[in-house]
Amino acid sequence: MKRLALVAAAIAFVALGFVSTPATAVDTRDVAISAFSYKNGTCANPSGFSSMTIAVGDTVLWTNCDTTLHTVTSDTAAFNSDSETPAGLGKDASYAHKFAAVGDFPYHCRIHGTGMSGTISVIAAGFPTTAKATTTTVRPTTTVRPTTTSPSTSTSTTQTTLDLSGVFDGSSTTSSSSTTSTTTDDSESDDAGGSSSGLVVGLLVLAIAGVGVGAFAVWRRMQEPG
């Protein structure tokens, strides 16, 4: 009986340990002040983002990684590191603030102005918290390819017209082109050719006539009585 009672008590103790209500987790988020900017993470591993999203009740811990003095100054006076270090945060100095309300809390460095700034966005507990990444828009570039123009080749053709009408009608022969025009008068050669042809024909006629006359005379002689 005693052994059973001890086993039952042990089981009850373990069961109570599992069903007990867990405590609400509270995170501490690190921000590194490095190279004149606020970056999520520690000095050994900064992320490069200047904005952070946390849940209500979380604490943000800023640590100065530079040798230059910096501050953590809220734009709306919600928090200010000057309350603890009026001269500014020195090398490896830290400042912490717990956020108890939902909203966006922009801040800057009082010494270096709004050019060195960041934002803490606080949301209700239970929602996932992620660091807000800055978005960089890159405009697309247009590449214009050069066009290649092939040289055009122009061929000029010269036409030559030869007029041969003069060969047949005795007129002049004309040869014309786009650049040279030549006129040849062959009338004298035609006249000389005509004269030569007439002379030959006349001689042939006379020769034929002479042969005929001679033949006729021989024939008459042969007809006369012996």
Protein backbone atom coordinates (compact mmCIF):
# COMPACT_ATOMS: atom_id res chain seq x y z
CA MET A 1 0.00 0.00 0.00
CA LYS A 2 2.75 2.43 0.85
CA ARG A 3 4.49 1.67 -2.45
CA LEU A 4 1.31 2.43 -4.42
CA ALA A 5 0.84 5.69 -2.53
CA LEU A 6 4.39 6.80 -3.36
CA VAL A 7 3.89 6.01 -7.07
CA ALA A 8 0.59 7.95 -7.15
CA ALA A 9 2.22 10.96 -5.49
CA ALA A 10 5.08 10.94 -8.00
CA ILE A 11 2.69 10.83 -10.94
CA ALA A 12 0.67 13.71 -9.54
CA PHE A 13 3.80 15.82 -9.03
CA VAL A 14 4.95 15.30 -12.62
CA ALA A 15 1.48 16.07 -13.97
CA LEU A 16 1.31 19.34 -12.04
CA GLY A 17 4.68 20.30 -13.48
CA PHE A 18 3.42 19.90 -17.08
CA VAL A 19 0.10 21.71 -16.68
CA SER A 20 1.47 24.70 -14.81
CA THR A 21 0.98 28.02 -16.60
CA PRO A 22 4.21 29.14 -18.37
CA ALA A 23 5.54 32.60 -17.72
CA THR A 24 5.25 35.17 -20.50
CA ALA A 25 8.55 35.37 -22.44
CA VAL A 26 10.13 38.80 -22.53
CA ASP A 27 12.89 39.41 -25.08
CA THR A 28 15.78 41.81 -25.07
CA ARG A 29 16.66 42.91 -28.60
CA ASP A 30 20.10 44.27 -29.47
CA VAL A 31 20.85 47.28 -31.66
CA ALA A 32 24.45 48.09 -32.57
CA ILE A 33 25.43 51.73 -33.11
CA SER A 34 28.09 51.22 -35.79
CA ALA A 35 29.58 53.39 -38.54
CA PHE A 36 27.18 56.26 -37.74
CA SER A 37 24.05 54.10 -38.15
CA TYR A 38 21.74 51.92 -36.06
CA LYS A 39 21.94 48.22 -37.01
CA ASN A 40 20.03 45.27 -35.60
CA GLY A 41 22.32 42.88 -33.77
CA THR A 42 25.43 43.15 -31.65
CA CYS A 43 28.69 44.95 -32.40
CA ALA A 44 30.21 41.60 -33.45
CA ASN A 45 27.37 40.82 -35.87
CA PRO A 46 25.33 43.83 -37.02
CA SER A 47 22.65 43.11 -39.64
CA GLY A 48 22.55 46.43 -41.43
CA PHE A 49 18.83 47.14 -40.81
CA SER A 50 17.92 50.38 -39.07
CA SER A 51 14.34 49.30 -38.21
CA MET A 52 13.14 46.64 -35.79
CA THR A 53 9.78 45.07 -34.88
CA ILE A 54 9.23 43.86 -31.31
CA ALA A 55 6.34 42.82 -29.07
CA VAL A 56 4.85 44.82 -26.22
CA GLY A 57 6.96 44.32 -23.11
CA ASP A 58 10.23 43.69 -25.01
CA THR A 59 13.37 45.66 -24.20
CA VAL A 60 15.75 47.16 -26.74
CA LEU A 61 19.43 47.45 -25.80
CA TRP A 62 21.54 49.92 -27.80
CA THR A 63 25.35 49.58 -27.67
CA ASN A 64 27.75 52.13 -29.15
CA CYS A 65 30.39 50.32 -31.26
CA ASP A 66 32.03 53.53 -32.50
CA THR A 67 34.67 55.61 -30.78
CA THR A 68 32.49 58.68 -31.45
CA LEU A 69 29.80 59.74 -28.98
CA HIS A 70 26.20 58.94 -30.02
CA THR A 71 22.76 59.20 -28.43
CA VAL A 72 19.43 57.38 -28.68
CA THR A 73 16.87 60.18 -28.80
CA SER A 74 13.17 59.53 -29.50
CA ASP A 75 11.51 61.84 -32.06
CA THR A 76 8.45 61.95 -29.77
CA ALA A 77 10.30 62.17 -26.42
CA ALA A 78 9.27 58.61 -25.54
CA PHE A 79 12.84 57.73 -24.47
CA ASN A 80 16.26 59.37 -24.39
CA SER A 81 19.68 58.05 -23.53
CA ASP A 82 20.61 61.52 -22.28
CA SER A 83 18.61 60.71 -19.16
CA GLU A 84 21.43 58.37 -18.15
CA THR A 85 24.43 59.77 -20.04
CA PRO A 86 23.86 63.47 -20.84
CA ALA A 87 27.13 63.76 -22.79
CA GLY A 88 26.27 60.82 -25.04
CA LEU A 89 27.12 57.15 -25.20
CA GLY A 90 30.84 56.47 -25.41
CA LYS A 91 32.64 53.44 -26.83
CA ASP A 92 30.94 50.16 -25.66
CA ALA A 93 28.41 52.13 -23.56
CA SER A 94 24.80 50.85 -23.60
CA TYR A 95 21.29 52.19 -23.12
CA ALA A 96 18.14 50.05 -22.62
CA HIS A 97 14.44 50.90 -22.87
CA LYS A 98 11.38 48.71 -22.30
CA PHE A 99 8.43 49.35 -24.65
CA ALA A 100 5.03 49.02 -22.99
CA ALA A 101 2.79 50.41 -25.74
CA VAL A 102 1.96 49.47 -29.33
CA GLY A 103 3.10 51.85 -32.07
CA ASP A 104 6.02 53.10 -34.16
CA PHE A 105 8.81 54.91 -32.35
CA PRO A 106 11.28 56.71 -34.61
CA TYR A 107 14.50 57.97 -33.06
CA HIS A 108 17.78 59.63 -34.03
CA CYS A 109 21.19 60.69 -32.77
CA ARG A 110 21.04 64.09 -31.12
CA ILE A 111 24.70 64.74 -31.95
CA HIS A 112 24.62 63.78 -35.66
CA GLY A 113 21.04 64.72 -36.55
CA THR A 114 18.19 62.96 -38.35
CA GLY A 115 20.57 61.61 -40.99
CA MET A 116 21.44 58.99 -38.38
CA SER A 117 18.07 57.47 -37.43
CA GLY A 118 16.07 54.30 -36.84
CA THR A 119 12.58 53.04 -35.94
CA ILE A 120 11.22 50.62 -33.35
CA SER A 121 7.80 49.15 -34.30
CA VAL A 122 5.94 47.63 -31.34
CA ILE A 123 3.07 45.18 -31.94
CA ALA A 124 0.75 43.28 -29.62
CA ALA A 125 2.16 40.19 -27.90
CA GLY A 126 1.56 36.92 -29.74
CA PHE A 127 2.31 38.23 -33.23
CA PRO A 128 5.58 37.28 -34.94
CA THR A 129 8.25 39.93 -34.68
CA THR A 130 10.70 40.38 -37.51
CA ALA A 131 13.11 43.10 -38.41
CA LYS A 132 11.82 45.42 -41.08
CA ALA A 133 14.16 45.31 -44.01
CA THR A 134 14.81 48.44 -45.96
CA THR A 135 13.73 48.15 -49.59
CA THR A 136 15.93 49.39 -52.36
CA THR A 137 14.35 49.89 -55.77
CA VAL A 138 16.65 49.37 -58.69
CA ARG A 139 15.44 50.87 -61.92
CA PRO A 140 15.92 48.59 -64.91
CA THR A 141 18.48 49.71 -67.41
CA THR A 142 17.78 49.71 -71.11
CA THR A 143 20.50 48.61 -73.42
CA VAL A 144 20.38 49.98 -76.92
CA ARG A 145 22.18 47.80 -79.38
CA PRO A 146 23.93 49.68 -82.20
CA THR A 147 22.44 49.12 -85.63
CA THR A 148 24.75 48.23 -88.49
CA THR A 149 23.94 49.76 -91.84
CA SER A 150 25.44 47.97 -94.81
CA PRO A 151 26.83 50.34 -97.41
CA SER A 152 24.62 50.63 -100.42
CA THR A 153 26.18 49.97 -103.83
CA SER A 154 24.95 52.01 -106.71
CA THR A 155 25.77 50.87 -110.23
CA SER A 156 25.51 53.39 -112.99
CA THR A 157 24.83 51.95 -116.44
CA THR A 158 25.63 53.97 -119.52
CA GLN A 159 23.42 53.20 -122.47
CA THR A 160 24.73 53.77 -125.98
CA THR A 161 22.32 54.21 -128.84
CA LEU A 162 23.62 53.61 -132.38
CA ASP A 163 21.55 55.01 -135.20
CA LEU A 164 22.24 52.99 -138.38
CA SER A 165 19.58 54.55 -140.51
CA GLY A 166 22.18 56.41 -142.51
CA VAL A 167 23.70 53.17 -143.81
CA PHE A 168 20.55 52.49 -145.79
CA ASP A 169 19.22 55.94 -146.68
CA GLY A 170 22.51 57.74 -147.21
CA SER A 171 22.08 60.01 -144.20
CA SER A 172 24.62 60.54 -141.43
CA THR A 173 25.23 57.89 -138.70
CA THR A 174 24.88 59.11 -135.10
CA SER A 175 26.35 57.36 -132.00
CA SER A 176 25.12 58.86 -128.68
CA SER A 177 25.85 58.08 -124.98
CA SER A 178 25.31 59.71 -121.58
CA THR A 179 28.66 61.45 -121.79
CA THR A 180 29.79 61.59 -125.52
CA SER A 181 27.82 62.35 -128.70
CA THR A 182 29.57 61.69 -132.10
CA THR A 183 28.10 62.42 -135.57
CA THR A 184 29.70 60.89 -138.69
CA ASP A 185 28.81 62.11 -142.20
CA ASP A 186 29.35 59.36 -144.77
CA SER A 187 27.73 61.14 -147.71
CA GLU A 188 31.05 61.60 -149.56
CA SER A 189 31.97 57.93 -149.19
CA ASP A 190 28.49 56.95 -150.48
CA ASP A 191 28.93 59.22 -153.53
CA ALA A 192 32.36 57.77 -154.29
CA GLY A 193 31.02 54.25 -153.99
CA GLY A 194 28.13 55.08 -156.34
CA SER A 195 30.49 56.52 -158.98
CA SER A 196 32.75 53.46 -158.90
CA SER A 197 29.79 51.12 -159.28
CA GLY A 198 28.47 53.08 -162.29
CA LEU A 199 31.85 52.93 -164.03
CA VAL A 200 32.11 49.18 -163.63
CA VAL A 201 28.61 48.65 -164.96
CA GLY A 202 29.34 50.87 -167.99
CA LEU A 203 32.49 48.93 -168.82
CA LEU A 204 30.62 45.65 -168.56
CA VAL A 205 27.90 46.93 -170.90
CA LEU A 206 30.48 48.09 -173.43
CA ALA A 207 32.28 44.76 -173.25
CA ILE A 208 29.08 42.81 -173.80
CA ALA A 209 28.11 45.11 -176.66
CA GLY A 210 31.51 44.69 -178.32
CA VAL A 211 31.33 40.92 -178.07
CA GLY A 212 27.89 40.98 -179.59
CA VAL A 213 28.95 43.21 -182.50
CA GLY A 214 31.94 41.02 -183.23
CA ALA A 215 29.87 37.89 -183.18
CA PHE A 216 27.30 39.43 -185.51
CA ALA A 217 30.03 40.40 -188.00
CA VAL A 218 31.41 36.87 -188.06
CA TRP A 219 27.98 35.43 -188.61
CA ARG A 220 27.34 37.73 -191.61
CA ARG A 221 30.55 36.68 -193.20
CA MET A 222 29.66 33.11 -192.92
CA GLN A 223 26.33 33.75 -194.66
CA GLU A 224 27.83 35.41 -197.77
CA PRO A 225 28.26 33.06 -200.77
CA GLY A 226 31.80 31.89 -201.29
